[in-house]
Amino acid sequence: MLVLKPFVQALRDQHTAWLTVAMASTLAGNFTVIGSIANLIVIQRARASGVEVGFWDYFKVGAPLTILTLTLGTLWLWL
């Protein structure tokens, strides 16, 4: 997030910009199975129970869900 500091400082509403960056960095972990350690733990636990969830199986749900939540969250923050 520090890499974005110069960009955010140049914006008029820094508070909302930082909230957007925080939200995006949190929700973006849902995009793919390797996006967060929590995803990997759940996949590993599922596999131990006999449920296989592949990368593309996860991506088919994770990608649209991430795009939707980021879009809605950004709209909510900026309106």
PDB file of N, CA and C in Angstrom:
ATOM      1  N   MET A   1       0.807  -1.177   0.000  1.00  0.00           N
ATOM      2  CA  MET A   1       0.000   0.000   0.000  1.00  0.00           C
ATOM      3  C   MET A   1       0.869   1.268   0.000  1.00  0.00           C
ATOM      4  N   LEU A   2       2.049   1.163   0.542  1.00  0.00           N
ATOM      5  CA  LEU A   2       2.926   2.336   0.569  1.00  0.00           C
ATOM      6  C   LEU A   2       3.348   2.777  -0.825  1.00  0.00           C
ATOM      7  N   VAL A   3       3.353   1.847  -1.760  1.00  0.00           N
ATOM      8  CA  VAL A   3       3.708   2.195  -3.135  1.00  0.00           C
ATOM      9  C   VAL A   3       2.690   3.183  -3.704  1.00  0.00           C
ATOM     10  N   LEU A   4       1.457   3.100  -3.242  1.00  0.00           N
ATOM     11  CA  LEU A   4       0.400   3.972  -3.735  1.00  0.00           C
ATOM     12  C   LEU A   4       0.345   5.327  -3.033  1.00  0.00           C
ATOM     13  N   LYS A   5       1.152   5.516  -2.008  1.00  0.00           N
ATOM     14  CA  LYS A   5       1.103   6.750  -1.217  1.00  0.00           C
ATOM     15  C   LYS A   5       1.225   8.023  -2.066  1.00  0.00           C
ATOM     16  N   PRO A   6       2.181   8.127  -2.983  1.00  0.00           N
ATOM     17  CA  PRO A   6       2.272   9.353  -3.791  1.00  0.00           C
ATOM     18  C   PRO A   6       1.014   9.591  -4.638  1.00  0.00           C
ATOM     19  N   PHE A   7       0.442   8.520  -5.148  1.00  0.00           N
ATOM     20  CA  PHE A   7      -0.775   8.644  -5.952  1.00  0.00           C
ATOM     21  C   PHE A   7      -1.945   9.127  -5.097  1.00  0.00           C
ATOM     22  N   VAL A   8      -2.111   8.517  -3.935  1.00  0.00           N
ATOM     23  CA  VAL A   8      -3.228   8.860  -3.046  1.00  0.00           C
ATOM     24  C   VAL A   8      -3.073  10.284  -2.512  1.00  0.00           C
ATOM     25  N   GLN A   9      -1.858  10.684  -2.192  1.00  0.00           N
ATOM     26  CA  GLN A   9      -1.636  12.029  -1.669  1.00  0.00           C
ATOM     27  C   GLN A   9      -2.002  13.117  -2.673  1.00  0.00           C
ATOM     28  N   ALA A  10      -1.964  12.779  -3.940  1.00  0.00           N
ATOM     29  CA  ALA A  10      -2.303  13.758  -4.978  1.00  0.00           C
ATOM     30  C   ALA A  10      -3.811  13.904  -5.164  1.00  0.00           C
ATOM     31  N   LEU A  11      -4.584  13.043  -4.540  1.00  0.00           N
ATOM     32  CA  LEU A  11      -6.036  13.084  -4.701  1.00  0.00           C
ATOM     33  C   LEU A  11      -6.674  14.052  -3.711  1.00  0.00           C
ATOM     34  N   ARG A  12      -7.822  14.561  -4.081  1.00  0.00           N
ATOM     35  CA  ARG A  12      -8.540  15.518  -3.242  1.00  0.00           C
ATOM     36  C   ARG A  12      -9.075  14.863  -1.971  1.00  0.00           C
ATOM     37  N   ASP A  13      -9.689  13.672  -2.098  1.00  0.00           N
ATOM     38  CA  ASP A  13     -10.281  12.976  -0.949  1.00  0.00           C
ATOM     39  C   ASP A  13      -9.410  11.774  -0.578  1.00  0.00           C
ATOM     40  N   GLN A  14      -8.362  12.023   0.168  1.00  0.00           N
ATOM     41  CA  GLN A  14      -7.420  10.962   0.522  1.00  0.00           C
ATOM     42  C   GLN A  14      -8.050   9.893   1.407  1.00  0.00           C
ATOM     43  N   HIS A  15      -8.940  10.288   2.288  1.00  0.00           N
ATOM     44  CA  HIS A  15      -9.573   9.322   3.200  1.00  0.00           C
ATOM     45  C   HIS A  15     -10.333   8.250   2.412  1.00  0.00           C
ATOM     46  N   THR A  16     -11.164   8.688   1.486  1.00  0.00           N
ATOM     47  CA  THR A  16     -11.925   7.739   0.670  1.00  0.00           C
ATOM     48  C   THR A  16     -10.999   6.926  -0.221  1.00  0.00           C
ATOM     49  N   ALA A  17      -9.959   7.542  -0.718  1.00  0.00           N
ATOM     50  CA  ALA A  17      -9.005   6.819  -1.564  1.00  0.00           C
ATOM     51  C   ALA A  17      -8.327   5.703  -0.772  1.00  0.00           C
ATOM     52  N   TRP A  18      -7.917   5.993   0.461  1.00  0.00           N
ATOM     53  CA  TRP A  18      -7.286   4.955   1.280  1.00  0.00           C
ATOM     54  C   TRP A  18      -8.279   3.847   1.624  1.00  0.00           C
ATOM     55  N   LEU A  19      -9.541   4.201   1.876  1.00  0.00           N
ATOM     56  CA  LEU A  19     -10.552   3.168   2.128  1.00  0.00           C
ATOM     57  C   LEU A  19     -10.738   2.274   0.901  1.00  0.00           C
ATOM     58  N   THR A  20     -10.700   2.879  -0.268  1.00  0.00           N
ATOM     59  CA  THR A  20     -10.828   2.114  -1.511  1.00  0.00           C
ATOM     60  C   THR A  20      -9.640   1.172  -1.697  1.00  0.00           C
ATOM     61  N   VAL A  21      -8.450   1.660  -1.435  1.00  0.00           N
ATOM     62  CA  VAL A  21      -7.248   0.826  -1.549  1.00  0.00           C
ATOM     63  C   VAL A  21      -7.309  -0.334  -0.551  1.00  0.00           C
ATOM     64  N   ALA A  22      -7.712  -0.050   0.674  1.00  0.00           N
ATOM     65  CA  ALA A  22      -7.812  -1.103   1.692  1.00  0.00           C
ATOM     66  C   ALA A  22      -8.852  -2.141   1.302  1.00  0.00           C
ATOM     67  N   MET A  23     -10.007  -1.683   0.819  1.00  0.00           N
ATOM     68  CA  MET A  23     -11.060  -2.606   0.407  1.00  0.00           C
ATOM     69  C   MET A  23     -10.591  -3.467  -0.764  1.00  0.00           C
ATOM     70  N   ALA A  24      -9.974  -2.837  -1.745  1.00  0.00           N
ATOM     71  CA  ALA A  24      -9.524  -3.572  -2.929  1.00  0.00           C
ATOM     72  C   ALA A  24      -8.458  -4.605  -2.578  1.00  0.00           C
ATOM     73  N   SER A  25      -7.539  -4.242  -1.706  1.00  0.00           N
ATOM     74  CA  SER A  25      -6.476  -5.191  -1.353  1.00  0.00           C
ATOM     75  C   SER A  25      -7.022  -6.359  -0.537  1.00  0.00           C
ATOM     76  N   THR A  26      -8.100  -6.130   0.191  1.00  0.00           N
ATOM     77  CA  THR A  26      -8.726  -7.212   0.965  1.00  0.00           C
ATOM     78  C   THR A  26      -9.566  -8.108   0.063  1.00  0.00           C
ATOM     79  N   LEU A  27     -10.431  -7.515  -0.730  1.00  0.00           N
ATOM     80  CA  LEU A  27     -11.344  -8.295  -1.568  1.00  0.00           C
ATOM     81  C   LEU A  27     -10.649  -8.962  -2.753  1.00  0.00           C
ATOM     82  N   ALA A  28      -9.551  -8.404  -3.212  1.00  0.00           N
ATOM     83  CA  ALA A  28      -8.846  -8.975  -4.362  1.00  0.00           C
ATOM     84  C   ALA A  28      -8.321 -10.375  -4.070  1.00  0.00           C
ATOM     85  N   GLY A  29      -8.146 -10.704  -2.815  1.00  0.00           N
ATOM     86  CA  GLY A  29      -7.716 -12.053  -2.453  1.00  0.00           C
ATOM     87  C   GLY A  29      -8.718 -13.127  -2.835  1.00  0.00           C
ATOM     88  N   ASN A  30      -9.944 -12.731  -3.113  1.00  0.00           N
ATOM     89  CA  ASN A  30     -10.979 -13.684  -3.514  1.00  0.00           C
ATOM     90  C   ASN A  30     -10.940 -14.009  -5.000  1.00  0.00           C
ATOM     91  N   PHE A  31     -10.120 -13.310  -5.753  1.00  0.00           N
ATOM     92  CA  PHE A  31     -10.095 -13.461  -7.209  1.00  0.00           C
ATOM     93  C   PHE A  31      -9.684 -14.868  -7.641  1.00  0.00           C
ATOM     94  N   THR A  32      -8.627 -15.395  -7.062  1.00  0.00           N
ATOM     95  CA  THR A  32      -8.178 -16.759  -7.379  1.00  0.00           C
ATOM     96  C   THR A  32      -7.905 -17.529  -6.097  1.00  0.00           C
ATOM     97  N   VAL A  33      -7.755 -18.816  -6.245  1.00  0.00           N
ATOM     98  CA  VAL A  33      -7.507 -19.674  -5.088  1.00  0.00           C
ATOM     99  C   VAL A  33      -6.170 -19.346  -4.419  1.00  0.00           C
ATOM    100  N   ILE A  34      -5.227 -18.839  -5.180  1.00  0.00           N
ATOM    101  CA  ILE A  34      -3.932 -18.493  -4.606  1.00  0.00           C
ATOM    102  C   ILE A  34      -3.870 -17.033  -4.171  1.00  0.00           C
ATOM    103  N   GLY A  35      -5.031 -16.365  -4.162  1.00  0.00           N
ATOM    104  CA  GLY A  35      -5.086 -14.956  -3.804  1.00  0.00           C
ATOM    105  C   GLY A  35      -4.875 -14.680  -2.328  1.00  0.00           C
ATOM    106  N   SER A  36      -5.170 -15.660  -1.493  1.00  0.00           N
ATOM    107  CA  SER A  36      -4.952 -15.462  -0.060  1.00  0.00           C
ATOM    108  C   SER A  36      -4.671 -16.810   0.600  1.00  0.00           C
ATOM    109  N   ILE A  37      -4.016 -16.746   1.721  1.00  0.00           N
ATOM    110  CA  ILE A  37      -3.705 -17.966   2.461  1.00  0.00           C
ATOM    111  C   ILE A  37      -4.975 -18.633   2.961  1.00  0.00           C
ATOM    112  N   ALA A  38      -5.995 -17.837   3.288  1.00  0.00           N
ATOM    113  CA  ALA A  38      -7.263 -18.408   3.746  1.00  0.00           C
ATOM    114  C   ALA A  38      -7.887 -19.291   2.663  1.00  0.00           C
ATOM    115  N   ASN A  39      -7.809 -18.858   1.415  1.00  0.00           N
ATOM    116  CA  ASN A  39      -8.326 -19.673   0.311  1.00  0.00           C
ATOM    117  C   ASN A  39      -7.600 -21.016   0.248  1.00  0.00           C
ATOM    118  N   LEU A  40      -6.292 -20.976   0.373  1.00  0.00           N
ATOM    119  CA  LEU A  40      -5.506 -22.211   0.300  1.00  0.00           C
ATOM    120  C   LEU A  40      -5.837 -23.155   1.450  1.00  0.00           C
ATOM    121  N   ILE A  41      -6.065 -22.606   2.629  1.00  0.00           N
ATOM    122  CA  ILE A  41      -6.415 -23.442   3.794  1.00  0.00           C
ATOM    123  C   ILE A  41      -7.758 -24.119   3.559  1.00  0.00           C
ATOM    124  N   VAL A  42      -8.734 -23.371   3.067  1.00  0.00           N
ATOM    125  CA  VAL A  42     -10.060 -23.949   2.809  1.00  0.00           C
ATOM    126  C   VAL A  42      -9.980 -25.034   1.739  1.00  0.00           C
ATOM    127  N   ILE A  43      -9.233 -24.777   0.674  1.00  0.00           N
ATOM    128  CA  ILE A  43      -9.076 -25.776  -0.389  1.00  0.00           C
ATOM    129  C   ILE A  43      -8.402 -27.029   0.149  1.00  0.00           C
ATOM    130  N   GLN A  44      -7.395 -26.847   0.983  1.00  0.00           N
ATOM    131  CA  GLN A  44      -6.701 -27.995   1.572  1.00  0.00           C
ATOM    132  C   GLN A  44      -7.634 -28.784   2.487  1.00  0.00           C
ATOM    133  N   ARG A  45      -8.425 -28.111   3.302  1.00  0.00           N
ATOM    134  CA  ARG A  45      -9.369 -28.792   4.194  1.00  0.00           C
ATOM    135  C   ARG A  45     -10.451 -29.512   3.391  1.00  0.00           C
ATOM    136  N   ALA A  46     -10.908 -28.893   2.308  1.00  0.00           N
ATOM    137  CA  ALA A  46     -11.904 -29.528   1.452  1.00  0.00           C
ATOM    138  C   ALA A  46     -11.333 -30.795   0.833  1.00  0.00           C
ATOM    139  N   ARG A  47     -10.092 -30.707   0.359  1.00  0.00           N
ATOM    140  CA  ARG A  47      -9.446 -31.870  -0.247  1.00  0.00           C
ATOM    141  C   ARG A  47      -9.336 -33.023   0.760  1.00  0.00           C
ATOM    142  N   ALA A  48      -9.028 -32.689   2.007  1.00  0.00           N
ATOM    143  CA  ALA A  48      -8.925 -33.708   3.051  1.00  0.00           C
ATOM    144  C   ALA A  48     -10.271 -34.381   3.305  1.00  0.00           C
ATOM    145  N   SER A  49     -11.354 -33.684   2.988  1.00  0.00           N
ATOM    146  CA  SER A  49     -12.700 -34.245   3.153  1.00  0.00           C
ATOM    147  C   SER A  49     -13.213 -34.886   1.872  1.00  0.00           C
ATOM    148  N   GLY A  50     -12.361 -34.962   0.857  1.00  0.00           N
ATOM    149  CA  GLY A  50     -12.735 -35.611  -0.390  1.00  0.00           C
ATOM    150  C   GLY A  50     -13.364 -34.701  -1.423  1.00  0.00           C
ATOM    151  N   VAL A  51     -13.308 -33.402  -1.198  1.00  0.00           N
ATOM    152  CA  VAL A  51     -13.878 -32.445  -2.147  1.00  0.00           C
ATOM    153  C   VAL A  51     -12.729 -31.777  -2.903  1.00  0.00           C
ATOM    154  N   GLU A  52     -12.746 -31.885  -4.207  1.00  0.00           N
ATOM    155  CA  GLU A  52     -11.710 -31.278  -5.040  1.00  0.00           C
ATOM    156  C   GLU A  52     -12.224 -29.971  -5.636  1.00  0.00           C
ATOM    157  N   VAL A  53     -11.507 -28.915  -5.414  1.00  0.00           N
ATOM    158  CA  VAL A  53     -11.823 -27.613  -6.006  1.00  0.00           C
ATOM    159  C   VAL A  53     -10.573 -27.173  -6.761  1.00  0.00           C
ATOM    160  N   GLY A  54     -10.673 -27.157  -8.066  1.00  0.00           N
ATOM    161  CA  GLY A  54      -9.534 -26.780  -8.893  1.00  0.00           C
ATOM    162  C   GLY A  54      -9.426 -25.275  -9.065  1.00  0.00           C
ATOM    163  N   PHE A  55      -8.305 -24.853  -9.632  1.00  0.00           N
ATOM    164  CA  PHE A  55      -8.058 -23.429  -9.862  1.00  0.00           C
ATOM    165  C   PHE A  55      -9.173 -22.799 -10.682  1.00  0.00           C
ATOM    166  N   TRP A  56      -9.532 -23.424 -11.798  1.00  0.00           N
ATOM    167  CA  TRP A  56     -10.549 -22.852 -12.691  1.00  0.00           C
ATOM    168  C   TRP A  56     -11.936 -22.951 -12.087  1.00  0.00           C
ATOM    169  N   ASP A  57     -12.213 -23.987 -11.302  1.00  0.00           N
ATOM    170  CA  ASP A  57     -13.498 -24.076 -10.602  1.00  0.00           C
ATOM    171  C   ASP A  57     -13.656 -22.877  -9.664  1.00  0.00           C
ATOM    172  N   TYR A  58     -12.613 -22.581  -8.932  1.00  0.00           N
ATOM    173  CA  TYR A  58     -12.632 -21.458  -8.006  1.00  0.00           C
ATOM    174  C   TYR A  58     -12.723 -20.134  -8.768  1.00  0.00           C
ATOM    175  N   PHE A  59     -11.951 -20.021  -9.842  1.00  0.00           N
ATOM    176  CA  PHE A  59     -11.897 -18.787 -10.627  1.00  0.00           C
ATOM    177  C   PHE A  59     -13.256 -18.425 -11.223  1.00  0.00           C
ATOM    178  N   LYS A  60     -14.023 -19.430 -11.637  1.00  0.00           N
ATOM    179  CA  LYS A  60     -15.341 -19.188 -12.237  1.00  0.00           C
ATOM    180  C   LYS A  60     -16.272 -18.467 -11.274  1.00  0.00           C
ATOM    181  N   VAL A  61     -16.095 -18.681 -10.001  1.00  0.00           N
ATOM    182  CA  VAL A  61     -16.900 -17.999  -8.983  1.00  0.00           C
ATOM    183  C   VAL A  61     -16.148 -16.801  -8.424  1.00  0.00           C
ATOM    184  N   GLY A  62     -14.869 -16.966  -8.137  1.00  0.00           N
ATOM    185  CA  GLY A  62     -14.080 -15.921  -7.498  1.00  0.00           C
ATOM    186  C   GLY A  62     -13.922 -14.665  -8.323  1.00  0.00           C
ATOM    187  N   ALA A  63     -13.672 -14.808  -9.614  1.00  0.00           N
ATOM    188  CA  ALA A  63     -13.448 -13.634 -10.465  1.00  0.00           C
ATOM    189  C   ALA A  63     -14.695 -12.750 -10.562  1.00  0.00           C
ATOM    190  N   PRO A  64     -15.848 -13.310 -10.939  1.00  0.00           N
ATOM    191  CA  PRO A  64     -17.036 -12.446 -11.007  1.00  0.00           C
ATOM    192  C   PRO A  64     -17.428 -11.868  -9.638  1.00  0.00           C
ATOM    193  N   LEU A  65     -17.296 -12.666  -8.603  1.00  0.00           N
ATOM    194  CA  LEU A  65     -17.638 -12.189  -7.267  1.00  0.00           C
ATOM    195  C   LEU A  65     -16.725 -11.045  -6.838  1.00  0.00           C
ATOM    196  N   THR A  66     -15.437 -11.172  -7.123  1.00  0.00           N
ATOM    197  CA  THR A  66     -14.492 -10.110  -6.782  1.00  0.00           C
ATOM    198  C   THR A  66     -14.791  -8.838  -7.556  1.00  0.00           C
ATOM    199  N   ILE A  67     -15.043  -8.966  -8.833  1.00  0.00           N
ATOM    200  CA  ILE A  67     -15.362  -7.798  -9.652  1.00  0.00           C
ATOM    201  C   ILE A  67     -16.636  -7.122  -9.144  1.00  0.00           C
ATOM    202  N   LEU A  68     -17.644  -7.911  -8.823  1.00  0.00           N
ATOM    203  CA  LEU A  68     -18.898  -7.367  -8.316  1.00  0.00           C
ATOM    204  C   LEU A  68     -18.708  -6.652  -6.978  1.00  0.00           C
ATOM    205  N   THR A  69     -18.027  -7.292  -6.032  1.00  0.00           N
ATOM    206  CA  THR A  69     -17.854  -6.677  -4.708  1.00  0.00           C
ATOM    207  C   THR A  69     -16.972  -5.444  -4.776  1.00  0.00           C
ATOM    208  N   LEU A  70     -15.945  -5.467  -5.602  1.00  0.00           N
ATOM    209  CA  LEU A  70     -15.103  -4.275  -5.757  1.00  0.00           C
ATOM    210  C   LEU A  70     -15.869  -3.127  -6.404  1.00  0.00           C
ATOM    211  N   THR A  71     -16.687  -3.436  -7.383  1.00  0.00           N
ATOM    212  CA  THR A  71     -17.492  -2.408  -8.048  1.00  0.00           C
ATOM    213  C   THR A  71     -18.496  -1.800  -7.074  1.00  0.00           C
ATOM    214  N   LEU A  72     -19.246  -2.650  -6.377  1.00  0.00           N
ATOM    215  CA  LEU A  72     -20.240  -2.149  -5.421  1.00  0.00           C
ATOM    216  C   LEU A  72     -19.576  -1.373  -4.283  1.00  0.00           C
ATOM    217  N   GLY A  73     -18.491  -1.901  -3.764  1.00  0.00           N
ATOM    218  CA  GLY A  73     -17.785  -1.223  -2.675  1.00  0.00           C
ATOM    219  C   GLY A  73     -17.227   0.121  -3.094  1.00  0.00           C
ATOM    220  N   THR A  74     -16.670   0.196  -4.289  1.00  0.00           N
ATOM    221  CA  THR A  74     -16.134   1.446  -4.784  1.00  0.00           C
ATOM    222  C   THR A  74     -17.243   2.470  -5.004  1.00  0.00           C
ATOM    223  N   LEU A  75     -18.344   2.023  -5.580  1.00  0.00           N
ATOM    224  CA  LEU A  75     -19.478   2.936  -5.761  1.00  0.00           C
ATOM    225  C   LEU A  75     -19.982   3.443  -4.420  1.00  0.00           C
ATOM    226  N   TRP A  76     -20.085   2.568  -3.456  1.00  0.00           N
ATOM    227  CA  TRP A  76     -20.558   2.946  -2.123  1.00  0.00           C
ATOM    228  C   TRP A  76     -19.629   3.967  -1.476  1.00  0.00           C
ATOM    229  N   LEU A  77     -18.341   3.757  -1.622  1.00  0.00           N
ATOM    230  CA  LEU A  77     -17.377   4.682  -1.027  1.00  0.00           C
ATOM    231  C   LEU A  77     -17.358   6.047  -1.708  1.00  0.00           C
ATOM    232  N   TRP A  78     -17.538   6.069  -3.015  1.00  0.00           N
ATOM    233  CA  TRP A  78     -17.396   7.315  -3.761  1.00  0.00           C
ATOM    234  C   TRP A  78     -18.696   8.100  -3.900  1.00  0.00           C
ATOM    235  N   LEU A  79     -19.818   7.502  -3.556  1.00  0.00           N
ATOM    236  CA  LEU A  79     -21.092   8.245  -3.675  1.00  0.00           C
ATOM    237  C   LEU A  79     -21.454   8.930  -2.390  1.00  0.00           C
TER     238      LEU A  79
END
